[in-house]
C-alpha atoms as a PDB file:
ATOM      1  CA  UNK A   1      -0.099   0.064  -0.069  1.00  0.00           C
ATOM      2  CA  UNK A   2       1.348   3.517  -0.545  1.00  0.00           C
ATOM      3  CA  UNK A   3       0.222   6.901  -0.216  1.00  0.00           C
ATOM      4  CA  UNK A   4       0.672   9.995  -2.532  1.00  0.00           C
ATOM      5  CA  UNK A   5       0.987  13.570  -1.291  1.00  0.00           C
ATOM      6  CA  UNK A   6       1.878  16.481  -3.806  1.00  0.00           C
ATOM      7  CA  UNK A   7       2.579  19.760  -3.111  1.00  0.00           C
ATOM      8  CA  UNK A   8       0.842  23.108  -4.974  1.00  0.00           C
ATOM      9  CA  UNK A   9       3.664  22.807  -7.941  1.00  0.00           C
ATOM     10  CA  UNK A  10       2.391  18.956  -8.396  1.00  0.00           C
ATOM     11  CA  UNK A  11       5.751  17.929  -6.831  1.00  0.00           C
ATOM     12  CA  UNK A  12       5.018  14.546  -4.771  1.00  0.00           C
ATOM     13  CA  UNK A  13       5.725  12.404  -1.860  1.00  0.00           C
ATOM     14  CA  UNK A  14       5.261   8.987  -1.514  1.00  0.00           C
ATOM     15  CA  UNK A  15       4.497   6.979   2.020  1.00  0.00           C
ATOM     16  CA  UNK A  16       5.022   3.301   1.383  1.00  0.00           C
ATOM     17  CA  UNK A  17       4.064  -0.148   3.500  1.00  0.00           C
ATOM     18  CA  UNK A  18       5.832  -2.913   1.360  1.00  0.00           C
ATOM     19  CA  UNK A  19       6.903  -5.058   4.401  1.00  0.00           C
ATOM     20  CA  UNK A  20       4.133  -7.747   3.525  1.00  0.00           C
ATOM     21  CA  UNK A  21       3.419  -6.694  -0.149  1.00  0.00           C
ATOM     22  CA  UNK A  22       2.955  -9.913  -2.691  1.00  0.00           C
ATOM     23  CA  UNK A  23       5.836  -8.475  -4.715  1.00  0.00           C
ATOM     24  CA  UNK A  24       8.578  -9.061  -1.791  1.00  0.00           C
ATOM     25  CA  UNK A  25       7.465 -12.710  -1.283  1.00  0.00           C
ATOM     26  CA  UNK A  26       7.212 -13.034  -5.255  1.00  0.00           C
ATOM     27  CA  UNK A  27      10.299 -15.418  -5.754  1.00  0.00           C
ATOM     28  CA  UNK A  28       9.956 -17.450  -2.760  1.00  0.00           C
ATOM     29  CA  UNK A  29       7.211 -19.271  -4.460  1.00  0.00           C
ATOM     30  CA  UNK A  30       8.903 -19.353  -8.040  1.00  0.00           C
ATOM     31  CA  UNK A  31      11.248 -22.191  -9.689  1.00  0.00           C
ATOM     32  CA  UNK A  32      14.070 -21.156 -11.321  1.00  0.00           C
ATOM     33  CA  UNK A  33      13.598 -23.223 -14.485  1.00  0.00           C
ATOM     34  CA  UNK A  34       9.449 -21.980 -14.775  1.00  0.00           C
ATOM     35  CA  UNK A  35      10.844 -18.644 -14.255  1.00  0.00           C
ATOM     36  CA  UNK A  36      13.266 -18.775 -16.904  1.00  0.00           C
ATOM     37  CA  UNK A  37      10.787 -20.699 -19.108  1.00  0.00           C
ATOM     38  CA  UNK A  38       8.233 -17.735 -18.641  1.00  0.00           C
ATOM     39  CA  UNK A  39      10.584 -15.052 -18.864  1.00  0.00           C
ATOM     40  CA  UNK A  40      12.211 -16.598 -22.015  1.00  0.00           C
ATOM     41  CA  UNK A  41       8.727 -15.939 -23.959  1.00  0.00           C
ATOM     42  CA  UNK A  42       9.598 -12.415 -24.006  1.00  0.00           C
ATOM     43  CA  UNK A  43      11.947 -10.132 -26.262  1.00  0.00           C
ATOM     44  CA  UNK A  44      12.686  -7.846 -23.581  1.00  0.00           C
ATOM     45  CA  UNK A  45      13.126  -8.261 -19.671  1.00  0.00           C
ATOM     46  CA  UNK A  46      12.119  -4.771 -17.479  1.00  0.00           C
ATOM     47  CA  UNK A  47      12.970  -4.428 -13.930  1.00  0.00           C
ATOM     48  CA  UNK A  48      13.901  -1.577 -11.454  1.00  0.00           C
ATOM     49  CA  UNK A  49      15.940  -0.939  -8.392  1.00  0.00           C
ATOM     50  CA  UNK A  50      12.788  -1.660  -6.327  1.00  0.00           C
ATOM     51  CA  UNK A  51      12.298  -4.990  -7.932  1.00  0.00           C
ATOM     52  CA  UNK A  52      16.298  -5.624  -6.486  1.00  0.00           C
ATOM     53  CA  UNK A  53      15.632  -3.610  -3.248  1.00  0.00           C
ATOM     54  CA  UNK A  54      12.232  -5.640  -1.907  1.00  0.00           C
ATOM     55  CA  UNK A  55      13.909  -9.291  -2.346  1.00  0.00           C
ATOM     56  CA  UNK A  56      16.197 -10.990  -0.302  1.00  0.00           C
ATOM     57  CA  UNK A  57      19.850 -11.298  -1.049  1.00  0.00           C
ATOM     58  CA  UNK A  58      19.460 -15.290  -2.058  1.00  0.00           C
ATOM     59  CA  UNK A  59      16.332 -14.097  -4.227  1.00  0.00           C
ATOM     60  CA  UNK A  60      18.630 -11.445  -6.014  1.00  0.00           C
ATOM     61  CA  UNK A  61      21.365 -13.851  -6.598  1.00  0.00           C
ATOM     62  CA  UNK A  62      18.812 -16.431  -8.063  1.00  0.00           C
ATOM     63  CA  UNK A  63      16.953 -13.517 -10.346  1.00  0.00           C
ATOM     64  CA  UNK A  64      20.564 -12.486 -11.480  1.00  0.00           C
ATOM     65  CA  UNK A  65      21.475 -15.857 -12.468  1.00  0.00           C
ATOM     66  CA  UNK A  66      18.287 -16.500 -14.923  1.00  0.00           C
ATOM     67  CA  UNK A  67      18.886 -12.857 -16.343  1.00  0.00           C
ATOM     68  CA  UNK A  68      22.149 -14.178 -17.410  1.00  0.00           C
ATOM     69  CA  UNK A  69      20.763 -17.276 -18.984  1.00  0.00           C
ATOM     70  CA  UNK A  70      17.844 -15.359 -20.630  1.00  0.00           C
ATOM     71  CA  UNK A  71      20.609 -12.745 -22.063  1.00  0.00           C
ATOM     72  CA  UNK A  72      22.600 -15.724 -23.307  1.00  0.00           C
ATOM     73  CA  UNK A  73      19.653 -16.723 -25.480  1.00  0.00           C
ATOM     74  CA  UNK A  74      19.419 -13.351 -26.727  1.00  0.00           C
ATOM     75  CA  UNK A  75      16.426 -11.639 -24.680  1.00  0.00           C
ATOM     76  CA  UNK A  76      17.211  -8.063 -23.975  1.00  0.00           C
ATOM     77  CA  UNK A  77      17.259  -6.712 -20.598  1.00  0.00           C
ATOM     78  CA  UNK A  78      16.228  -3.497 -19.389  1.00  0.00           C
ATOM     79  CA  UNK A  79      17.095  -1.825 -16.054  1.00  0.00           C
ATOM     80  CA  UNK A  80      15.782   1.450 -14.257  1.00  0.00           C
ATOM     81  CA  UNK A  81      17.984   2.127 -11.083  1.00  0.00           C
ATOM     82  CA  UNK A  82      15.318   3.694  -9.429  1.00  0.00           C
ATOM     83  CA  UNK A  83      17.248   3.934  -5.966  1.00  0.00           C
ATOM     84  CA  UNK A  84      15.243   4.363  -3.022  1.00  0.00           C
ATOM     85  CA  UNK A  85      17.647   4.297  -0.064  1.00  0.00           C
ATOM     86  CA  UNK A  86      14.884   2.807   2.521  1.00  0.00           C
ATOM     87  CA  UNK A  87      15.038  -0.366   0.617  1.00  0.00           C
ATOM     88  CA  UNK A  88      18.600  -0.967   1.297  1.00  0.00           C
ATOM     89  CA  UNK A  89      20.906  -1.792   4.522  1.00  0.00           C
ATOM     90  CA  UNK A  90      23.646   0.508   2.807  1.00  0.00           C
ATOM     91  CA  UNK A  91      24.969   2.062  -0.103  1.00  0.00           C
ATOM     92  CA  UNK A  92      27.732  -0.045  -0.107  1.00  0.00           C
ATOM     93  CA  UNK A  93      25.425  -3.140  -0.855  1.00  0.00           C
ATOM     94  CA  UNK A  94      23.193  -1.510  -3.229  1.00  0.00           C
ATOM     95  CA  UNK A  95      26.181  -0.431  -5.084  1.00  0.00           C
ATOM     96  CA  UNK A  96      27.532  -3.908  -5.383  1.00  0.00           C
ATOM     97  CA  UNK A  97      24.205  -4.972  -6.849  1.00  0.00           C
ATOM     98  CA  UNK A  98      23.267  -2.615  -8.680  1.00  0.00           C
ATOM     99  CA  UNK A  99      27.000  -2.899 -10.673  1.00  0.00           C
ATOM    100  CA  UNK A 100      26.258  -6.930 -10.984  1.00  0.00           C
ATOM    101  CA  UNK A 101      22.963  -6.083 -12.618  1.00  0.00           C
ATOM    102  CA  UNK A 102      24.416  -3.447 -14.799  1.00  0.00           C
ATOM    103  CA  UNK A 103      26.762  -6.073 -16.036  1.00  0.00           C
ATOM    104  CA  UNK A 104      23.783  -7.929 -17.258  1.00  0.00           C
ATOM    105  CA  UNK A 105      21.724  -4.531 -18.745  1.00  0.00           C
ATOM    106  CA  UNK A 106      21.220  -3.964 -22.423  1.00  0.00           C
ATOM    107  CA  UNK A 107      19.582  -0.619 -21.985  1.00  0.00           C
ATOM    108  CA  UNK A 108      19.735   1.459 -18.820  1.00  0.00           C
ATOM    109  CA  UNK A 109      17.404   3.871 -18.106  1.00  0.00           C
ATOM    110  CA  UNK A 110      18.123   6.097 -15.259  1.00  0.00           C
ATOM    111  CA  UNK A 111      17.575   9.193 -13.073  1.00  0.00           C
ATOM    112  CA  UNK A 112      20.705  11.615 -12.678  1.00  0.00           C
ATOM    113  CA  UNK A 113      19.642  12.266  -9.196  1.00  0.00           C
ATOM    114  CA  UNK A 114      19.436   8.896  -8.011  1.00  0.00           C
ATOM    115  CA  UNK A 115      22.715   7.902  -9.644  1.00  0.00           C
ATOM    116  CA  UNK A 116      24.228  11.052  -8.029  1.00  0.00           C
ATOM    117  CA  UNK A 117      22.825  10.128  -4.409  1.00  0.00           C
ATOM    118  CA  UNK A 118      24.097   6.534  -4.464  1.00  0.00           C
ATOM    119  CA  UNK A 119      27.156   6.603  -6.814  1.00  0.00           C
ATOM    120  CA  UNK A 120      28.134  10.426  -6.225  1.00  0.00           C
ATOM    121  CA  UNK A 121      28.179  11.329  -9.933  1.00  0.00           C
ATOM    122  CA  UNK A 122      28.635  15.078 -10.575  1.00  0.00           C
ATOM    123  CA  UNK A 123      26.962  15.302 -13.806  1.00  0.00           C
ATOM    124  CA  UNK A 124      24.795  13.092 -16.168  1.00  0.00           C
ATOM    125  CA  UNK A 125      27.589  12.440 -18.538  1.00  0.00           C
ATOM    126  CA  UNK A 126      29.516  11.062 -15.241  1.00  0.00           C
ATOM    127  CA  UNK A 127      26.508   8.984 -14.757  1.00  0.00           C
ATOM    128  CA  UNK A 128      26.509   7.758 -18.317  1.00  0.00           C
ATOM    129  CA  UNK A 129      30.156   6.969 -18.933  1.00  0.00           C
ATOM    130  CA  UNK A 130      30.256   4.972 -15.401  1.00  0.00           C
ATOM    131  CA  UNK A 131      27.418   2.923 -16.634  1.00  0.00           C
ATOM    132  CA  UNK A 132      28.769   2.647 -20.359  1.00  0.00           C
ATOM    133  CA  UNK A 133      32.015   1.401 -19.138  1.00  0.00           C
ATOM    134  CA  UNK A 134      30.119  -1.470 -17.212  1.00  0.00           C
ATOM    135  CA  UNK A 135      29.327  -2.859 -20.875  1.00  0.00           C
ATOM    136  CA  UNK A 136      25.973  -1.356 -21.054  1.00  0.00           C
ATOM    137  CA  UNK A 137      25.400  -0.809 -24.694  1.00  0.00           C
ATOM    138  CA  UNK A 138      22.582   2.145 -24.458  1.00  0.00           C
ATOM    139  CA  UNK A 139      22.247   4.351 -21.466  1.00  0.00           C
ATOM    140  CA  UNK A 140      19.602   7.010 -20.968  1.00  0.00           C
ATOM    141  CA  UNK A 141      20.138   9.303 -18.016  1.00  0.00           C
ATOM    142  CA  UNK A 142      16.992  11.575 -17.329  1.00  0.00           C
ATOM    143  CA  UNK A 143      17.675  14.750 -15.502  1.00  0.00           C
ATOM    144  CA  UNK A 144      13.819  16.063 -15.233  1.00  0.00           C
ATOM    145  CA  UNK A 145      12.591  18.919 -17.132  1.00  0.00           C
ATOM    146  CA  UNK A 146      16.237  19.134 -18.735  1.00  0.00           C
ATOM    147  CA  UNK A 147      17.525  17.185 -21.560  1.00  0.00           C
ATOM    148  CA  UNK A 148      17.955  13.571 -21.020  1.00  0.00           C
ATOM    149  CA  UNK A 149      21.456  12.056 -22.130  1.00  0.00           C
ATOM    150  CA  UNK A 150      21.802   9.345 -24.296  1.00  0.00           C
ATOM    151  CA  UNK A 151      24.799   6.884 -24.752  1.00  0.00           C
ATOM    152  CA  UNK A 152      24.309   4.260 -27.670  1.00  0.00           C
ATOM    153  CA  UNK A 153      26.410   2.747 -30.157  1.00  0.00           C
ATOM    154  CA  UNK A 154      29.499   5.144 -29.380  1.00  0.00           C
ATOM    155  CA  UNK A 155      27.143   7.911 -29.996  1.00  0.00           C
ATOM    156  CA  UNK A 156      26.164  10.828 -27.538  1.00  0.00           C
ATOM    157  CA  UNK A 157      22.680  12.517 -28.240  1.00  0.00           C
ATOM    158  CA  UNK A 158      20.699  15.016 -25.772  1.00  0.00           C
ATOM    159  CA  UNK A 159      17.078  15.325 -26.013  1.00  0.00           C
ATOM    160  CA  UNK A 160      15.399  18.229 -24.289  1.00  0.00           C
ATOM    161  CA  UNK A 161      11.721  17.570 -23.621  1.00  0.00           C
ATOM    162  CA  UNK A 162       9.040  20.346 -24.653  1.00  0.00           C
ATOM    163  CA  UNK A 163       7.995  22.863 -21.585  1.00  0.00           C
ATOM    164  CA  UNK A 164       5.153  21.794 -19.942  1.00  0.00           C
ATOM    165  CA  UNK A 165       2.503  24.091 -18.218  1.00  0.00           C
ATOM    166  CA  UNK A 166       0.010  23.112 -15.702  1.00  0.00           C
ATOM    167  CA  UNK A 167       1.610  20.162 -14.029  1.00  0.00           C
ATOM    168  CA  UNK A 168      -0.851  18.777 -11.830  1.00  0.00           C
ATOM    169  CA  UNK A 169       1.090  15.464 -10.249  1.00  0.00           C
ATOM    170  CA  UNK A 170       4.776  14.509 -11.286  1.00  0.00           C
ATOM    171  CA  UNK A 171       3.762  11.066 -10.127  1.00  0.00           C
ATOM    172  CA  UNK A 172       5.058   8.286 -12.505  1.00  0.00           C
ATOM    173  CA  UNK A 173       6.877  10.984 -14.748  1.00  0.00           C
ATOM    174  CA  UNK A 174       9.906   8.908 -15.015  1.00  0.00           C
ATOM    175  CA  UNK A 175       7.937   5.538 -15.395  1.00  0.00           C
ATOM    176  CA  UNK A 176       5.682   7.493 -18.431  1.00  0.00           C
ATOM    177  CA  UNK A 177       9.113   8.374 -20.260  1.00  0.00           C
ATOM    178  CA  UNK A 178      10.408   4.876 -19.840  1.00  0.00           C
ATOM    179  CA  UNK A 179       7.096   3.348 -21.220  1.00  0.00           C
ATOM    180  CA  UNK A 180       7.104   5.629 -24.568  1.00  0.00           C
ATOM    181  CA  UNK A 181      11.039   5.260 -24.867  1.00  0.00           C
ATOM    182  CA  UNK A 182      10.752   1.440 -24.883  1.00  0.00           C
ATOM    183  CA  UNK A 183       7.811   1.429 -26.851  1.00  0.00           C
ATOM    184  CA  UNK A 184       9.209   3.350 -29.552  1.00  0.00           C
ATOM    185  CA  UNK A 185      12.605   1.320 -29.603  1.00  0.00           C
ATOM    186  CA  UNK A 186      10.789  -1.831 -29.762  1.00  0.00           C
ATOM    187  CA  UNK A 187       9.221  -0.925 -32.950  1.00  0.00           C
ATOM    188  CA  UNK A 188      12.549   0.137 -34.261  1.00  0.00           C
ATOM    189  CA  UNK A 189      12.591   3.493 -34.092  1.00  0.00           C
ATOM    190  CA  UNK A 190      16.179   5.509 -33.225  1.00  0.00           C
ATOM    191  CA  UNK A 191      17.298   6.465 -29.563  1.00  0.00           C
ATOM    192  CA  UNK A 192      16.601  10.024 -30.009  1.00  0.00           C
ATOM    193  CA  UNK A 193      12.997   9.706 -31.439  1.00  0.00           C
ATOM    194  CA  UNK A 194      12.177   7.568 -28.692  1.00  0.00           C
ATOM    195  CA  UNK A 195      13.420   9.817 -26.122  1.00  0.00           C
ATOM    196  CA  UNK A 196      11.049  12.494 -27.914  1.00  0.00           C
ATOM    197  CA  UNK A 197       8.180   9.896 -27.305  1.00  0.00           C
ATOM    198  CA  UNK A 198       8.885   9.375 -23.788  1.00  0.00           C
ATOM    199  CA  UNK A 199       9.122  13.174 -22.951  1.00  0.00           C
ATOM    200  CA  UNK A 200       5.654  13.636 -24.564  1.00  0.00           C
ATOM    201  CA  UNK A 201       4.242  10.801 -22.563  1.00  0.00           C
ATOM    202  CA  UNK A 202       5.752  12.015 -19.409  1.00  0.00           C
ATOM    203  CA  UNK A 203       4.577  15.612 -20.156  1.00  0.00           C
ATOM    204  CA  UNK A 204       0.926  14.029 -20.601  1.00  0.00           C
ATOM    205  CA  UNK A 205       1.090  12.074 -17.557  1.00  0.00           C
ATOM    206  CA  UNK A 206       1.969  14.971 -15.356  1.00  0.00           C
ATOM    207  CA  UNK A 207      -1.111  17.257 -16.362  1.00  0.00           C
ATOM    208  CA  UNK A 208      -3.380  14.330 -14.550  1.00  0.00           C
ATOM    209  CA  UNK A 209      -3.775  13.133 -11.106  1.00  0.00           C
ATOM    210  CA  UNK A 210      -2.516  10.132 -10.358  1.00  0.00           C
ATOM    211  CA  UNK A 211      -0.067   7.454 -12.253  1.00  0.00           C
ATOM    212  CA  UNK A 212      -2.831   6.225 -14.710  1.00  0.00           C
ATOM    213  CA  UNK A 213      -4.251   8.754 -17.424  1.00  0.00           C
ATOM    214  CA  UNK A 214      -7.102   7.923 -19.652  1.00  0.00           C
ATOM    215  CA  UNK A 215      -6.509   6.285 -22.493  1.00  0.00           C
ATOM    216  CA  UNK A 216      -8.399   9.248 -24.320  1.00  0.00           C
ATOM    217  CA  UNK A 217      -5.483  11.485 -23.046  1.00  0.00           C
ATOM    218  CA  UNK A 218      -2.496   9.232 -24.578  1.00  0.00           C
ATOM    219  CA  UNK A 219      -0.441  11.134 -27.371  1.00  0.00           C
ATOM    220  CA  UNK A 220      -2.029   9.748 -30.519  1.00  0.00           C
ATOM    221  CA  UNK A 221       1.396   8.276 -31.729  1.00  0.00           C
ATOM    222  CA  UNK A 222       1.975   6.051 -28.703  1.00  0.00           C
ATOM    223  CA  UNK A 223      -1.564   4.629 -29.027  1.00  0.00           C
ATOM    224  CA  UNK A 224      -0.159   3.174 -32.203  1.00  0.00           C
ATOM    225  CA  UNK A 225       2.423   1.159 -30.445  1.00  0.00           C
ATOM    226  CA  UNK A 226      -0.433  -0.056 -27.808  1.00  0.00           C
ATOM    227  CA  UNK A 227       0.161  -3.739 -28.967  1.00  0.00           C
ATOM    228  CA  UNK A 228       4.084  -3.365 -27.750  1.00  0.00           C
END
């Protein structure tokens, strides 16, 4: 369960009760072979730092082993670091697990604010370069209302969002960006075009209350990717 409070500018603050959530016990009741068989049906596996943070150390190790096997058969792994200090025993523990995760990641969707808090990165460039050096082929660093930074195939792109007026609730802005970005990448678009789609969707979501907007409010071009 969680509660969301927003200030007059639409900036949100969360209160969580996760200790007994179903997600925390998900892997306790999963056989590794069954999990591998299920996930191998998909082209891309997406998870976040919250996925890792709510699991036991043993279950994180199991999950990383399954992801390694999935990559070996050609599946892509996408990771959003989504660092939440309250979920971890120490920054050092988180850094170790995240670095192991980055070694298994094809596409990283990061937020500079989170990475600066955890790793001390002084800039989005520092974040992108650090993660790319770990072997991640495509790194996207989100910077709120500023341009995101994309490192892919040895190229660097900066893609700025269109200014948004009438912000009501910034809940799910990052998730909305990820959704737009991945939808466009999965249909074969270039990274910069995908980033523009991510910005458009995030800009739409933050002008509505809550994380889920009506289908009627979705940017038309993104509706065409709904089957993905």
